[in-house]
Protein backbone atom coordinates (compact mmCIF):
# COMPACT_ATOMS: atom_id res chain seq x y z
CA UNK A 1 217.28 109.46 144.45
CA UNK A 2 214.18 107.29 144.10
CA UNK A 3 211.61 107.67 141.33
CA UNK A 4 208.08 106.60 142.20
CA UNK A 5 205.25 106.06 139.73
CA UNK A 6 201.72 105.06 140.66
CA UNK A 7 198.77 104.11 138.49
CA UNK A 8 195.33 102.56 138.59
CA UNK A 9 193.04 105.33 139.79
CA UNK A 10 189.66 106.03 138.31
CA UNK A 11 185.95 106.42 138.88
CA UNK A 12 184.10 103.69 140.76
CA UNK A 13 180.68 103.36 142.33
CA UNK A 14 180.23 103.05 146.09
CA UNK A 15 180.85 99.48 147.14
CA UNK A 16 183.15 98.88 144.20
CA UNK A 17 186.83 98.01 144.04
CA UNK A 18 190.02 99.42 142.56
CA UNK A 19 193.63 98.33 142.65
CA UNK A 20 196.40 100.91 142.67
CA UNK A 21 199.88 99.96 141.52
CA UNK A 22 203.21 101.56 142.29
CA UNK A 23 206.77 101.03 141.21
CA UNK A 24 209.99 102.62 142.41
CA UNK A 25 213.48 102.78 140.92
CA UNK A 26 216.84 104.23 141.80
CA UNK A 27 217.38 102.03 144.85
CA UNK A 28 216.93 98.26 145.29
CA UNK A 29 213.17 97.86 145.48
CA UNK A 30 213.43 95.07 148.01
CA UNK A 31 215.05 97.48 150.47
CA UNK A 32 212.32 100.12 150.28
CA UNK A 33 209.36 100.50 152.57
CA UNK A 34 206.32 101.28 150.43
CA UNK A 35 203.09 102.97 151.36
CA UNK A 36 200.17 105.18 150.46
CA UNK A 37 198.86 108.51 151.62
CA UNK A 38 195.86 110.35 150.23
CA UNK A 39 194.62 113.91 150.04
CA UNK A 40 191.01 114.92 149.58
CA UNK A 41 189.99 118.41 148.42
CA UNK A 42 190.37 120.92 151.22
CA UNK A 43 191.95 118.39 153.56
CA UNK A 44 195.46 117.55 154.66
CA UNK A 45 197.31 114.56 153.30
CA UNK A 46 196.60 111.53 155.47
CA UNK A 47 198.13 108.12 155.99
CA UNK A 48 196.41 105.16 154.34
CA UNK A 49 198.69 102.13 154.50
CA UNK A 50 202.34 101.14 154.68
CA UNK A 51 204.47 98.02 154.66
CA UNK A 52 208.04 97.01 155.38
CA UNK A 53 210.61 96.09 152.72
CA UNK A 54 209.52 92.46 152.82
CA UNK A 55 205.79 93.09 153.15
CA UNK A 56 205.92 91.11 156.34
CA UNK A 57 204.55 93.97 158.40
CA UNK A 58 201.64 96.07 157.23
CA UNK A 59 199.94 99.08 158.78
CA UNK A 60 196.59 100.68 158.05
CA UNK A 61 194.63 103.72 159.10
CA UNK A 62 191.49 102.94 161.04
CA UNK A 63 189.36 104.37 158.23
CA UNK A 64 190.52 101.75 155.70
CA UNK A 65 191.33 98.77 157.91
CA UNK A 66 189.39 95.73 156.76
CA UNK A 67 188.64 97.26 153.34
CA UNK A 68 192.07 97.99 151.87
CA UNK A 69 195.00 95.61 151.47
CA UNK A 70 198.57 96.65 150.81
CA UNK A 71 200.96 94.16 149.23
CA UNK A 72 204.10 93.92 147.15
CA UNK A 73 205.87 91.68 144.67
CA UNK A 74 209.59 92.30 144.97
CA UNK A 75 210.28 90.09 141.94
CA UNK A 76 208.34 92.59 139.83
CA UNK A 77 209.33 95.77 141.71
CA UNK A 78 205.65 96.46 142.32
CA UNK A 79 203.52 97.52 145.26
CA UNK A 80 199.74 97.40 145.32
CA UNK A 81 196.81 98.85 147.19
CA UNK A 82 193.67 96.76 146.78
CA UNK A 83 190.68 98.89 147.72
CA UNK A 84 187.38 97.13 148.31
CA UNK A 85 183.99 98.33 149.50
CA UNK A 86 184.89 101.86 148.48
CA UNK A 87 183.00 104.78 149.96
CA UNK A 88 182.50 108.34 148.71
CA UNK A 89 184.76 109.54 151.52
CA UNK A 90 187.62 107.56 149.96
CA UNK A 91 187.63 110.05 147.10
CA UNK A 92 191.09 111.62 147.00
CA UNK A 93 194.38 111.79 145.20
CA UNK A 94 196.40 108.77 146.30
CA UNK A 95 200.15 109.12 146.58
CA UNK A 96 202.60 106.26 146.69
CA UNK A 97 205.72 106.76 148.75
CA UNK A 98 209.01 104.89 148.99
CA UNK A 99 211.34 105.06 151.96
CA UNK A 100 214.91 103.69 152.11
CA UNK A 101 214.47 103.13 155.85
CA UNK A 102 212.78 99.88 154.83
CA UNK A 103 210.34 100.06 157.70
CA UNK A 104 207.50 102.46 156.95
CA UNK A 105 206.31 105.34 154.81
CA UNK A 106 205.55 108.38 156.94
CA UNK A 107 205.11 112.11 156.64
CA UNK A 108 208.93 112.29 156.73
CA UNK A 109 209.28 110.14 153.60
CA UNK A 110 211.18 111.98 150.91
CA UNK A 111 210.17 110.13 147.74
CA UNK A 112 206.64 110.30 146.31
CA UNK A 113 204.84 109.73 143.08
CA UNK A 114 202.73 112.32 141.29
CA UNK A 115 199.49 110.89 142.60
CA UNK A 116 196.51 109.16 141.03
CA UNK A 117 192.90 110.28 141.36
CA UNK A 118 190.34 107.96 142.92
CA UNK A 119 186.72 109.07 142.73
CA UNK A 120 183.94 107.11 144.40
CA UNK A 121 180.57 108.28 143.19
CA UNK A 122 177.30 106.98 141.83
């Protein structure tokens, strides 16, 4: 079993920045792929970003590429999602996922946090 906890959401104006944080326990953190999905009201959960156990490979959805950066610090058991140039359409609940496959977080990932709200509005 893997426990996942994310934090760092909030209210930000368009064009602003936020950094989400995520930690996971129950398995060696440096063997877990980490990633983020989001779900806006009335919409399905969608992929945002993912990275391998080392952080050496990262993947982004087209809608956030160039604005969001996923990273990790395995010495601190932490993963991050730096979100810059935020837009109103980024408003959603953001979920951090952890996958023992070590390669990517996908819709098949079993372990998720409770979610953190990100609201982009003036």
